C-alpha cells in the first residue's frame, strides 16, 4: 500500500488477471483505485464466481498446492483429462487431431499441458460476480464503460472503468 501511494496517479492503470491471485483481492482492488486519475481508465480482469464450480476448483487448487511436487500429477492428470479430453475427442472425430492444441499454443503461448498446470497451480485464487466489481468501483467514484463477461462460465470477466470523481487525501470520493 505504501509503495503504491508513492507512485502517483495515471491516466491508464492495467492489471489483467493478477489481483485475484494476491490473497486479498478486495484490498488489492481498493489499492489500485487511487492510482487512476480523474477521467483515467482502469482495466482489470477478475475470475468469475461460478458458485459450486468455483468451490470445486478452489478445493482442487488447494489440494494441488498442498501436495509435494512429486505427487502433483495425481491432480494434474484428471484435470487435464477433464479440461482437454472432450476437445481432443471432438478434434479427432472432425478429422483434425490435436488442431485445438496447436491453436491454443499459438494463441496463448503455452501448451495445453502448461495451461493446465498454470490453471491448477494458480493459488491464491479469488473470484467475484460482475455486479460485485461494478458496485465496488462505483462506490469509489468509477463508472463502468466496458464489460465482457464469460457468460457465467470459467474464466475472467473483463472491465474497463473510468474514474470520474476526484479523491481527497484519504482516497474517498468527493463531488
N, C-alpha and C. Protein backbone atom coordinates (compact mmCIF):
# COMPACT_ATOMS: atom_id res chain seq x y z
N UNK A 1 0.83 -1.19 0.00
CA UNK A 1 0.00 0.00 0.00
C UNK A 1 0.87 1.26 0.00
N UNK A 2 1.90 1.27 0.87
CA UNK A 2 2.80 2.43 0.92
C UNK A 2 3.52 2.62 -0.42
N UNK A 3 3.96 1.53 -1.00
CA UNK A 3 4.65 1.60 -2.29
C UNK A 3 3.73 2.21 -3.36
N UNK A 4 2.51 1.71 -3.43
CA UNK A 4 1.57 2.21 -4.44
C UNK A 4 1.27 3.69 -4.25
N UNK A 5 1.13 4.12 -3.01
CA UNK A 5 0.84 5.53 -2.74
C UNK A 5 1.96 6.43 -3.24
N UNK A 6 3.18 5.92 -3.27
CA UNK A 6 4.31 6.71 -3.74
C UNK A 6 4.43 6.80 -5.25
N UNK A 7 3.60 6.05 -5.97
CA UNK A 7 3.70 6.04 -7.43
C UNK A 7 3.05 7.24 -8.10
N UNK A 8 2.07 7.82 -7.48
CA UNK A 8 1.32 8.90 -8.11
C UNK A 8 0.05 8.37 -8.74
N UNK A 9 -0.49 9.14 -9.70
CA UNK A 9 -1.71 8.72 -10.38
C UNK A 9 -1.46 8.70 -11.89
N UNK A 10 -2.33 7.97 -12.59
CA UNK A 10 -2.10 7.70 -14.00
C UNK A 10 -3.40 7.77 -14.78
N UNK A 11 -3.26 8.02 -16.08
CA UNK A 11 -4.43 8.01 -16.96
C UNK A 11 -4.89 6.59 -17.28
N UNK A 12 -3.96 5.64 -17.24
CA UNK A 12 -4.29 4.24 -17.50
C UNK A 12 -3.64 3.37 -16.42
N UNK A 13 -4.46 2.55 -15.79
CA UNK A 13 -3.97 1.54 -14.85
C UNK A 13 -4.50 0.21 -15.36
N UNK A 14 -3.59 -0.75 -15.51
CA UNK A 14 -3.90 -2.02 -16.16
C UNK A 14 -3.43 -3.16 -15.27
N UNK A 15 -4.35 -4.03 -14.89
CA UNK A 15 -3.98 -5.22 -14.12
C UNK A 15 -4.85 -6.37 -14.62
N UNK A 16 -4.30 -7.17 -15.49
CA UNK A 16 -5.07 -8.19 -16.21
C UNK A 16 -4.82 -9.56 -15.59
N UNK A 17 -5.81 -10.06 -14.84
CA UNK A 17 -5.71 -11.41 -14.30
C UNK A 17 -4.67 -11.56 -13.21
N UNK A 18 -4.48 -10.52 -12.41
CA UNK A 18 -3.44 -10.54 -11.38
C UNK A 18 -4.03 -10.37 -9.98
N UNK A 19 -4.90 -9.40 -9.80
CA UNK A 19 -5.35 -9.02 -8.45
C UNK A 19 -6.09 -10.15 -7.74
N UNK A 20 -6.67 -11.08 -8.46
CA UNK A 20 -7.37 -12.20 -7.82
C UNK A 20 -6.40 -13.28 -7.34
N UNK A 21 -5.11 -13.08 -7.57
CA UNK A 21 -4.09 -14.02 -7.07
C UNK A 21 -3.27 -13.44 -5.92
N UNK A 22 -3.72 -12.35 -5.32
CA UNK A 22 -2.94 -11.71 -4.26
C UNK A 22 -3.20 -12.32 -2.88
N UNK A 23 -4.32 -12.99 -2.71
CA UNK A 23 -4.70 -13.49 -1.39
C UNK A 23 -5.53 -12.47 -0.62
N UNK A 24 -5.69 -11.29 -1.18
CA UNK A 24 -6.51 -10.23 -0.58
C UNK A 24 -7.06 -9.38 -1.73
N UNK A 25 -7.89 -10.01 -2.56
CA UNK A 25 -8.35 -9.38 -3.79
C UNK A 25 -9.04 -8.04 -3.57
N UNK A 26 -9.96 -7.96 -2.62
CA UNK A 26 -10.71 -6.72 -2.43
C UNK A 26 -9.78 -5.61 -1.95
N UNK A 27 -8.84 -5.93 -1.11
CA UNK A 27 -7.86 -4.93 -0.69
C UNK A 27 -7.02 -4.50 -1.89
N UNK A 28 -6.60 -5.46 -2.71
CA UNK A 28 -5.81 -5.14 -3.90
C UNK A 28 -6.60 -4.26 -4.86
N UNK A 29 -7.87 -4.56 -5.06
CA UNK A 29 -8.72 -3.72 -5.91
C UNK A 29 -8.82 -2.31 -5.34
N UNK A 30 -8.99 -2.23 -4.02
CA UNK A 30 -9.03 -0.92 -3.37
C UNK A 30 -7.72 -0.16 -3.48
N UNK A 31 -6.62 -0.89 -3.48
CA UNK A 31 -5.31 -0.26 -3.58
C UNK A 31 -5.04 0.35 -4.95
N UNK A 32 -5.62 -0.22 -6.01
CA UNK A 32 -5.36 0.32 -7.34
C UNK A 32 -6.27 1.50 -7.68
N UNK A 33 -7.41 1.59 -7.02
CA UNK A 33 -8.37 2.66 -7.34
C UNK A 33 -7.75 4.05 -7.23
N UNK A 34 -7.01 4.38 -6.18
CA UNK A 34 -6.45 5.73 -6.06
C UNK A 34 -5.35 6.04 -7.09
N UNK A 35 -4.89 5.04 -7.81
CA UNK A 35 -3.85 5.25 -8.81
C UNK A 35 -4.40 5.86 -10.10
N UNK A 36 -5.72 5.85 -10.26
CA UNK A 36 -6.35 6.30 -11.51
C UNK A 36 -6.72 7.77 -11.40
N UNK A 37 -6.21 8.57 -12.35
CA UNK A 37 -6.57 9.99 -12.43
C UNK A 37 -8.06 10.15 -12.65
N UNK A 38 -8.60 11.31 -12.27
CA UNK A 38 -9.97 11.63 -12.64
C UNK A 38 -10.04 11.62 -14.17
N UNK A 39 -10.98 10.86 -14.72
CA UNK A 39 -11.09 10.71 -16.17
C UNK A 39 -10.20 9.61 -16.73
N UNK A 40 -9.33 9.05 -15.89
CA UNK A 40 -8.46 7.96 -16.31
C UNK A 40 -9.21 6.64 -16.37
N UNK A 41 -8.54 5.63 -16.91
CA UNK A 41 -9.20 4.34 -17.07
C UNK A 41 -8.47 3.25 -16.30
N UNK A 42 -9.28 2.35 -15.75
CA UNK A 42 -8.78 1.17 -15.05
C UNK A 42 -9.23 -0.05 -15.83
N UNK A 43 -8.27 -0.86 -16.24
CA UNK A 43 -8.54 -2.10 -16.97
C UNK A 43 -8.22 -3.26 -16.05
N UNK A 44 -9.22 -4.11 -15.75
CA UNK A 44 -8.97 -5.28 -14.89
C UNK A 44 -9.71 -6.49 -15.44
N UNK A 45 -9.17 -7.66 -15.13
CA UNK A 45 -9.82 -8.93 -15.42
C UNK A 45 -9.79 -9.75 -14.14
N UNK A 46 -10.96 -10.21 -13.71
CA UNK A 46 -11.10 -10.91 -12.44
C UNK A 46 -11.87 -12.21 -12.69
N UNK A 47 -11.40 -13.30 -12.07
CA UNK A 47 -12.07 -14.58 -12.22
C UNK A 47 -13.55 -14.49 -11.87
N UNK A 48 -14.36 -15.15 -12.65
CA UNK A 48 -15.80 -15.18 -12.47
C UNK A 48 -16.18 -16.15 -11.35
N UNK A 49 -17.11 -15.73 -10.50
CA UNK A 49 -17.64 -16.60 -9.45
C UNK A 49 -18.71 -17.50 -10.05
N UNK A 50 -18.44 -18.80 -10.06
CA UNK A 50 -19.38 -19.77 -10.61
C UNK A 50 -20.11 -20.55 -9.53
N UNK A 51 -20.06 -20.08 -8.29
CA UNK A 51 -20.75 -20.78 -7.21
C UNK A 51 -20.12 -22.13 -6.91
N UNK A 52 -20.90 -23.20 -7.08
CA UNK A 52 -20.45 -24.56 -6.76
C UNK A 52 -19.20 -24.95 -7.53
N UNK A 53 -19.13 -24.61 -8.80
CA UNK A 53 -17.94 -24.94 -9.60
C UNK A 53 -16.70 -24.21 -9.04
N UNK A 54 -16.87 -22.98 -8.61
CA UNK A 54 -15.75 -22.24 -8.03
C UNK A 54 -15.27 -22.93 -6.75
N UNK A 55 -16.20 -23.37 -5.93
CA UNK A 55 -15.81 -24.07 -4.70
C UNK A 55 -15.05 -25.36 -5.04
N UNK A 56 -15.47 -26.06 -6.09
CA UNK A 56 -14.78 -27.28 -6.51
C UNK A 56 -13.36 -26.96 -6.97
N UNK A 57 -13.21 -25.91 -7.81
CA UNK A 57 -11.88 -25.53 -8.29
C UNK A 57 -11.00 -25.04 -7.15
N UNK A 58 -11.59 -24.37 -6.19
CA UNK A 58 -10.83 -23.94 -5.01
C UNK A 58 -10.26 -25.15 -4.29
N UNK A 59 -11.06 -26.18 -4.13
CA UNK A 59 -10.60 -27.42 -3.48
C UNK A 59 -9.48 -28.07 -4.31
N UNK A 60 -9.65 -28.14 -5.61
CA UNK A 60 -8.63 -28.74 -6.49
C UNK A 60 -7.32 -27.96 -6.36
N UNK A 61 -7.38 -26.64 -6.42
CA UNK A 61 -6.18 -25.81 -6.35
C UNK A 61 -5.49 -25.94 -4.99
N UNK A 62 -6.26 -25.94 -3.91
CA UNK A 62 -5.68 -26.10 -2.58
C UNK A 62 -5.00 -27.47 -2.45
N UNK A 63 -5.67 -28.49 -2.94
CA UNK A 63 -5.11 -29.84 -2.87
C UNK A 63 -3.81 -29.92 -3.65
N UNK A 64 -3.81 -29.43 -4.88
CA UNK A 64 -2.61 -29.45 -5.72
C UNK A 64 -1.45 -28.75 -5.04
N UNK A 65 -1.69 -27.57 -4.53
CA UNK A 65 -0.62 -26.78 -3.92
C UNK A 65 -0.15 -27.33 -2.58
N UNK A 66 -0.98 -28.13 -1.92
CA UNK A 66 -0.58 -28.74 -0.65
C UNK A 66 0.26 -30.01 -0.87
N UNK A 67 0.17 -30.60 -2.05
CA UNK A 67 0.90 -31.84 -2.33
C UNK A 67 2.39 -31.58 -2.56
N UNK A 68 3.23 -32.55 -2.20
CA UNK A 68 4.64 -32.45 -2.60
C UNK A 68 4.73 -32.47 -4.13
N UNK A 69 5.72 -31.82 -4.68
CA UNK A 69 5.87 -31.71 -6.14
C UNK A 69 5.76 -33.04 -6.85
N UNK A 70 6.36 -34.08 -6.30
CA UNK A 70 6.38 -35.39 -6.97
C UNK A 70 5.02 -36.07 -7.04
N UNK A 71 4.02 -35.55 -6.28
CA UNK A 71 2.69 -36.15 -6.30
C UNK A 71 1.64 -35.28 -6.99
N UNK A 72 2.03 -34.13 -7.48
CA UNK A 72 1.06 -33.21 -8.08
C UNK A 72 0.41 -33.77 -9.34
N UNK A 73 1.05 -34.72 -9.99
CA UNK A 73 0.47 -35.34 -11.18
C UNK A 73 -0.86 -36.02 -10.84
N UNK A 74 -1.05 -36.41 -9.57
CA UNK A 74 -2.30 -37.06 -9.16
C UNK A 74 -3.50 -36.13 -9.33
N UNK A 75 -3.26 -34.84 -9.29
CA UNK A 75 -4.31 -33.86 -9.54
C UNK A 75 -4.29 -33.44 -11.01
N UNK A 76 -3.10 -33.26 -11.57
CA UNK A 76 -2.99 -32.74 -12.94
C UNK A 76 -3.59 -33.67 -13.99
N UNK A 77 -3.34 -34.97 -13.87
CA UNK A 77 -3.84 -35.90 -14.90
C UNK A 77 -5.37 -35.87 -14.99
N UNK A 78 -6.11 -36.03 -13.88
CA UNK A 78 -7.58 -35.97 -14.01
C UNK A 78 -8.08 -34.61 -14.51
N UNK A 79 -7.44 -33.53 -14.07
CA UNK A 79 -7.87 -32.21 -14.53
C UNK A 79 -7.58 -32.06 -16.02
N UNK A 80 -6.42 -32.51 -16.45
CA UNK A 80 -6.08 -32.44 -17.87
C UNK A 80 -7.11 -33.21 -18.70
N UNK A 81 -7.45 -34.41 -18.27
CA UNK A 81 -8.45 -35.21 -18.99
C UNK A 81 -9.81 -34.52 -18.99
N UNK A 82 -10.18 -33.91 -17.87
CA UNK A 82 -11.47 -33.21 -17.78
C UNK A 82 -11.51 -31.99 -18.70
N UNK A 83 -10.42 -31.22 -18.71
CA UNK A 83 -10.41 -29.98 -19.49
C UNK A 83 -10.11 -30.20 -20.97
N UNK A 84 -9.27 -31.16 -21.30
CA UNK A 84 -8.84 -31.35 -22.68
C UNK A 84 -9.37 -32.60 -23.35
N UNK A 85 -9.89 -33.55 -22.56
CA UNK A 85 -10.41 -34.79 -23.15
C UNK A 85 -11.50 -34.57 -24.17
N UNK A 86 -12.58 -33.86 -23.82
CA UNK A 86 -13.66 -33.64 -24.79
C UNK A 86 -13.20 -32.91 -26.05
N UNK A 87 -12.34 -31.93 -25.90
CA UNK A 87 -11.83 -31.17 -27.06
C UNK A 87 -11.00 -32.07 -27.96
N UNK A 88 -10.17 -32.90 -27.36
CA UNK A 88 -9.33 -33.82 -28.13
C UNK A 88 -10.18 -34.81 -28.91
N UNK A 89 -11.19 -35.38 -28.27
CA UNK A 89 -12.08 -36.33 -28.94
C UNK A 89 -12.82 -35.62 -30.08
N UNK A 90 -13.31 -34.41 -29.83
CA UNK A 90 -14.02 -33.65 -30.87
C UNK A 90 -13.11 -33.39 -32.07
N UNK A 91 -11.86 -32.98 -31.83
CA UNK A 91 -10.92 -32.74 -32.92
C UNK A 91 -10.69 -34.01 -33.74
N UNK A 92 -10.54 -35.15 -33.06
CA UNK A 92 -10.30 -36.42 -33.75
C UNK A 92 -11.51 -36.80 -34.60
N UNK A 93 -12.71 -36.67 -34.02
CA UNK A 93 -13.94 -37.01 -34.75
C UNK A 93 -14.11 -36.11 -35.98
N UNK A 94 -13.71 -34.86 -35.89
CA UNK A 94 -13.83 -33.93 -37.00
C UNK A 94 -12.71 -34.09 -38.03
N UNK A 95 -11.80 -35.01 -37.78
CA UNK A 95 -10.71 -35.27 -38.72
C UNK A 95 -9.54 -34.31 -38.62
N UNK A 96 -9.45 -33.59 -37.50
CA UNK A 96 -8.35 -32.65 -37.28
C UNK A 96 -7.70 -32.92 -35.92
N UNK A 97 -7.04 -34.07 -35.78
CA UNK A 97 -6.46 -34.42 -34.47
C UNK A 97 -5.52 -33.33 -33.95
N UNK A 98 -5.73 -32.96 -32.70
CA UNK A 98 -4.89 -32.01 -31.97
C UNK A 98 -4.88 -30.60 -32.57
N UNK A 99 -5.85 -30.29 -33.42
CA UNK A 99 -5.92 -28.95 -34.01
C UNK A 99 -6.04 -27.89 -32.91
N UNK A 100 -6.92 -28.10 -31.95
CA UNK A 100 -7.12 -27.12 -30.88
C UNK A 100 -5.86 -26.97 -30.04
N UNK A 101 -5.14 -28.06 -29.82
CA UNK A 101 -3.88 -27.99 -29.07
C UNK A 101 -2.92 -27.04 -29.76
N UNK A 102 -2.78 -27.20 -31.07
CA UNK A 102 -1.83 -26.35 -31.81
C UNK A 102 -2.28 -24.89 -31.78
N UNK A 103 -3.57 -24.64 -31.93
CA UNK A 103 -4.09 -23.28 -31.89
C UNK A 103 -3.93 -22.67 -30.50
N UNK A 104 -4.17 -23.47 -29.48
CA UNK A 104 -4.04 -22.98 -28.11
C UNK A 104 -2.61 -22.51 -27.86
N UNK A 105 -1.65 -23.28 -28.33
CA UNK A 105 -0.26 -22.90 -28.12
C UNK A 105 0.04 -21.59 -28.86
N UNK A 106 -0.51 -21.44 -30.03
CA UNK A 106 -0.28 -20.23 -30.80
C UNK A 106 -0.94 -19.02 -30.14
N UNK A 107 -2.18 -19.14 -29.70
CA UNK A 107 -2.93 -18.02 -29.15
C UNK A 107 -2.46 -17.58 -27.77
N UNK A 108 -2.12 -18.51 -26.90
CA UNK A 108 -1.75 -18.14 -25.52
C UNK A 108 -0.27 -18.29 -25.25
N UNK A 109 0.45 -18.90 -26.16
CA UNK A 109 1.88 -19.02 -25.97
C UNK A 109 2.29 -20.14 -25.04
N UNK A 110 1.36 -21.02 -24.71
CA UNK A 110 1.73 -22.15 -23.87
C UNK A 110 0.99 -23.40 -24.34
N UNK A 111 1.60 -24.54 -24.10
CA UNK A 111 0.98 -25.81 -24.49
C UNK A 111 -0.23 -26.09 -23.61
N UNK A 112 -1.12 -26.97 -24.05
CA UNK A 112 -2.26 -27.33 -23.21
C UNK A 112 -1.83 -27.86 -21.84
N UNK A 113 -0.74 -28.63 -21.79
CA UNK A 113 -0.29 -29.15 -20.50
C UNK A 113 0.13 -28.01 -19.57
N UNK A 114 0.92 -27.09 -20.05
CA UNK A 114 1.36 -25.96 -19.23
C UNK A 114 0.17 -25.08 -18.85
N UNK A 115 -0.80 -24.95 -19.74
CA UNK A 115 -2.01 -24.20 -19.45
C UNK A 115 -2.74 -24.82 -18.25
N UNK A 116 -2.83 -26.15 -18.22
CA UNK A 116 -3.48 -26.83 -17.09
C UNK A 116 -2.67 -26.64 -15.82
N UNK A 117 -1.35 -26.78 -15.90
CA UNK A 117 -0.50 -26.57 -14.72
C UNK A 117 -0.69 -25.14 -14.20
N UNK A 118 -0.73 -24.18 -15.11
CA UNK A 118 -0.93 -22.78 -14.74
C UNK A 118 -2.28 -22.59 -14.05
N UNK A 119 -3.33 -23.19 -14.60
CA UNK A 119 -4.67 -23.05 -14.03
C UNK A 119 -4.75 -23.71 -12.66
N UNK A 120 -4.33 -24.95 -12.56
CA UNK A 120 -4.47 -25.69 -11.30
C UNK A 120 -3.56 -25.11 -10.22
N UNK A 121 -2.38 -24.66 -10.61
CA UNK A 121 -1.43 -24.13 -9.64
C UNK A 121 -1.68 -22.70 -9.23
N UNK A 122 -2.63 -22.02 -9.87
CA UNK A 122 -2.87 -20.61 -9.60
C UNK A 122 -3.54 -20.39 -8.25
N UNK A 123 -2.73 -20.28 -7.24
CA UNK A 123 -3.23 -20.06 -5.88
C UNK A 123 -2.40 -18.97 -5.23
N UNK A 124 -2.95 -18.06 -4.48
CA UNK A 124 -4.35 -17.94 -4.10
C UNK A 124 -5.24 -17.64 -5.31
N UNK A 125 -6.52 -17.87 -5.10
CA UNK A 125 -7.50 -17.83 -6.17
C UNK A 125 -8.78 -17.24 -5.58
N UNK A 126 -9.13 -16.04 -6.02
CA UNK A 126 -10.36 -15.42 -5.55
C UNK A 126 -11.22 -15.04 -6.76
N UNK A 127 -12.49 -14.88 -6.52
CA UNK A 127 -13.45 -14.66 -7.60
C UNK A 127 -14.44 -13.57 -7.20
N UNK A 128 -15.19 -13.10 -8.18
CA UNK A 128 -16.30 -12.18 -7.91
C UNK A 128 -17.32 -12.30 -9.01
N UNK A 129 -18.49 -11.82 -8.72
CA UNK A 129 -19.53 -11.69 -9.72
C UNK A 129 -19.38 -10.31 -10.35
N UNK A 130 -19.76 -10.15 -11.60
CA UNK A 130 -19.62 -8.84 -12.26
C UNK A 130 -20.24 -7.70 -11.47
N UNK A 131 -21.43 -7.94 -10.91
CA UNK A 131 -22.10 -6.86 -10.19
C UNK A 131 -21.35 -6.45 -8.92
N UNK A 132 -20.58 -7.37 -8.33
CA UNK A 132 -19.78 -7.02 -7.16
C UNK A 132 -18.65 -6.06 -7.53
N UNK A 133 -18.01 -6.32 -8.67
CA UNK A 133 -16.95 -5.42 -9.15
C UNK A 133 -17.54 -4.05 -9.49
N UNK A 134 -18.66 -4.07 -10.19
CA UNK A 134 -19.32 -2.83 -10.58
C UNK A 134 -19.64 -1.99 -9.34
N UNK A 135 -20.26 -2.60 -8.34
CA UNK A 135 -20.65 -1.88 -7.12
C UNK A 135 -19.42 -1.38 -6.36
N UNK A 136 -18.41 -2.22 -6.24
CA UNK A 136 -17.18 -1.87 -5.52
C UNK A 136 -16.57 -0.60 -6.10
N UNK A 137 -16.44 -0.56 -7.42
CA UNK A 137 -15.80 0.60 -8.05
C UNK A 137 -16.74 1.80 -8.17
N UNK A 138 -18.03 1.56 -8.30
CA UNK A 138 -18.97 2.68 -8.31
C UNK A 138 -18.91 3.42 -6.98
N UNK A 139 -18.78 2.65 -5.89
CA UNK A 139 -18.68 3.26 -4.56
C UNK A 139 -17.38 4.07 -4.40
N UNK A 140 -16.43 3.86 -5.28
CA UNK A 140 -15.14 4.55 -5.23
C UNK A 140 -14.99 5.60 -6.33
N UNK A 141 -16.12 5.97 -6.94
CA UNK A 141 -16.10 7.06 -7.90
C UNK A 141 -15.77 6.66 -9.32
N UNK A 142 -16.04 5.44 -9.69
CA UNK A 142 -15.78 4.97 -11.05
C UNK A 142 -17.10 4.67 -11.75
N UNK A 143 -17.06 4.78 -13.08
CA UNK A 143 -18.19 4.32 -13.87
C UNK A 143 -17.70 3.23 -14.81
N UNK A 144 -18.52 2.24 -15.02
CA UNK A 144 -18.21 1.15 -15.92
C UNK A 144 -18.40 1.63 -17.35
N UNK A 145 -17.36 1.51 -18.19
CA UNK A 145 -17.50 1.93 -19.59
C UNK A 145 -17.54 0.75 -20.54
N UNK A 146 -16.91 -0.34 -20.16
CA UNK A 146 -16.94 -1.56 -20.99
C UNK A 146 -16.90 -2.76 -20.07
N UNK A 147 -17.56 -3.85 -20.49
CA UNK A 147 -17.50 -5.09 -19.73
C UNK A 147 -17.68 -6.26 -20.67
N UNK A 148 -16.88 -7.28 -20.48
CA UNK A 148 -17.04 -8.52 -21.22
C UNK A 148 -17.04 -9.64 -20.19
N UNK A 149 -18.16 -10.34 -20.10
CA UNK A 149 -18.24 -11.43 -19.13
C UNK A 149 -17.98 -12.76 -19.83
N UNK A 150 -17.71 -13.75 -19.03
CA UNK A 150 -17.51 -15.09 -19.58
C UNK A 150 -18.81 -15.87 -19.51
N UNK A 151 -19.93 -15.16 -19.50
CA UNK A 151 -21.28 -15.73 -19.59
C UNK A 151 -21.54 -16.77 -18.50
N UNK A 152 -21.06 -16.48 -17.29
CA UNK A 152 -21.31 -17.39 -16.17
C UNK A 152 -20.37 -18.58 -16.12
N UNK A 153 -19.45 -18.67 -17.08
CA UNK A 153 -18.56 -19.82 -17.14
C UNK A 153 -17.20 -19.58 -16.53
N UNK A 154 -16.32 -20.49 -16.83
CA UNK A 154 -14.95 -20.46 -16.35
C UNK A 154 -14.18 -19.36 -17.06
N UNK A 155 -13.42 -18.60 -16.33
CA UNK A 155 -12.59 -17.57 -16.92
C UNK A 155 -12.74 -16.26 -16.20
N UNK A 156 -12.26 -15.21 -16.83
CA UNK A 156 -12.27 -13.88 -16.24
C UNK A 156 -13.34 -13.01 -16.87
N UNK A 157 -13.96 -12.19 -16.04
CA UNK A 157 -14.78 -11.09 -16.51
C UNK A 157 -13.84 -9.91 -16.68
N UNK A 158 -14.04 -9.15 -17.74
CA UNK A 158 -13.13 -8.06 -18.08
C UNK A 158 -13.88 -6.73 -17.94
N UNK A 159 -13.20 -5.77 -17.33
CA UNK A 159 -13.82 -4.48 -17.02
C UNK A 159 -12.93 -3.33 -17.44
N UNK A 160 -13.56 -2.29 -17.98
CA UNK A 160 -12.91 -1.00 -18.18
C UNK A 160 -13.75 0.00 -17.40
N UNK A 161 -13.10 0.67 -16.47
CA UNK A 161 -13.79 1.62 -15.60
C UNK A 161 -13.12 2.98 -15.71
N UNK A 162 -13.91 4.03 -15.69
CA UNK A 162 -13.38 5.39 -15.77
C UNK A 162 -13.55 6.05 -14.41
N UNK A 163 -12.45 6.64 -13.94
CA UNK A 163 -12.51 7.41 -12.70
C UNK A 163 -13.16 8.76 -13.01
N UNK A 164 -14.28 9.06 -12.41
CA UNK A 164 -14.99 10.29 -12.75
C UNK A 164 -15.11 11.26 -11.59
N UNK A 165 -14.74 10.83 -10.39
CA UNK A 165 -14.79 11.74 -9.25
C UNK A 165 -13.38 12.00 -8.74
N UNK A 166 -13.12 13.18 -8.24
CA UNK A 166 -11.82 13.44 -7.65
C UNK A 166 -11.80 12.82 -6.25
N UNK A 167 -10.61 12.59 -5.76
CA UNK A 167 -10.45 11.96 -4.46
C UNK A 167 -9.74 12.92 -3.52
N UNK A 168 -10.15 12.89 -2.25
CA UNK A 168 -9.45 13.74 -1.27
C UNK A 168 -8.21 12.98 -0.75
N UNK A 169 -7.57 13.53 0.27
CA UNK A 169 -6.33 12.94 0.78
C UNK A 169 -6.51 11.53 1.33
N UNK A 170 -7.71 11.15 1.72
CA UNK A 170 -7.96 9.83 2.28
C UNK A 170 -8.47 8.86 1.22
N UNK A 171 -8.38 9.23 -0.04
CA UNK A 171 -8.84 8.42 -1.18
C UNK A 171 -10.34 8.19 -1.16
N UNK A 172 -11.06 9.07 -0.49
CA UNK A 172 -12.51 8.99 -0.50
C UNK A 172 -13.04 9.89 -1.60
N UNK A 173 -14.13 9.53 -2.18
CA UNK A 173 -14.67 10.31 -3.28
C UNK A 173 -15.41 11.54 -2.76
N UNK A 174 -15.19 12.65 -3.43
CA UNK A 174 -15.91 13.88 -3.10
C UNK A 174 -16.38 14.49 -4.42
N UNK A 175 -17.50 15.15 -4.37
CA UNK A 175 -18.03 15.80 -5.58
C UNK A 175 -17.22 17.04 -5.90
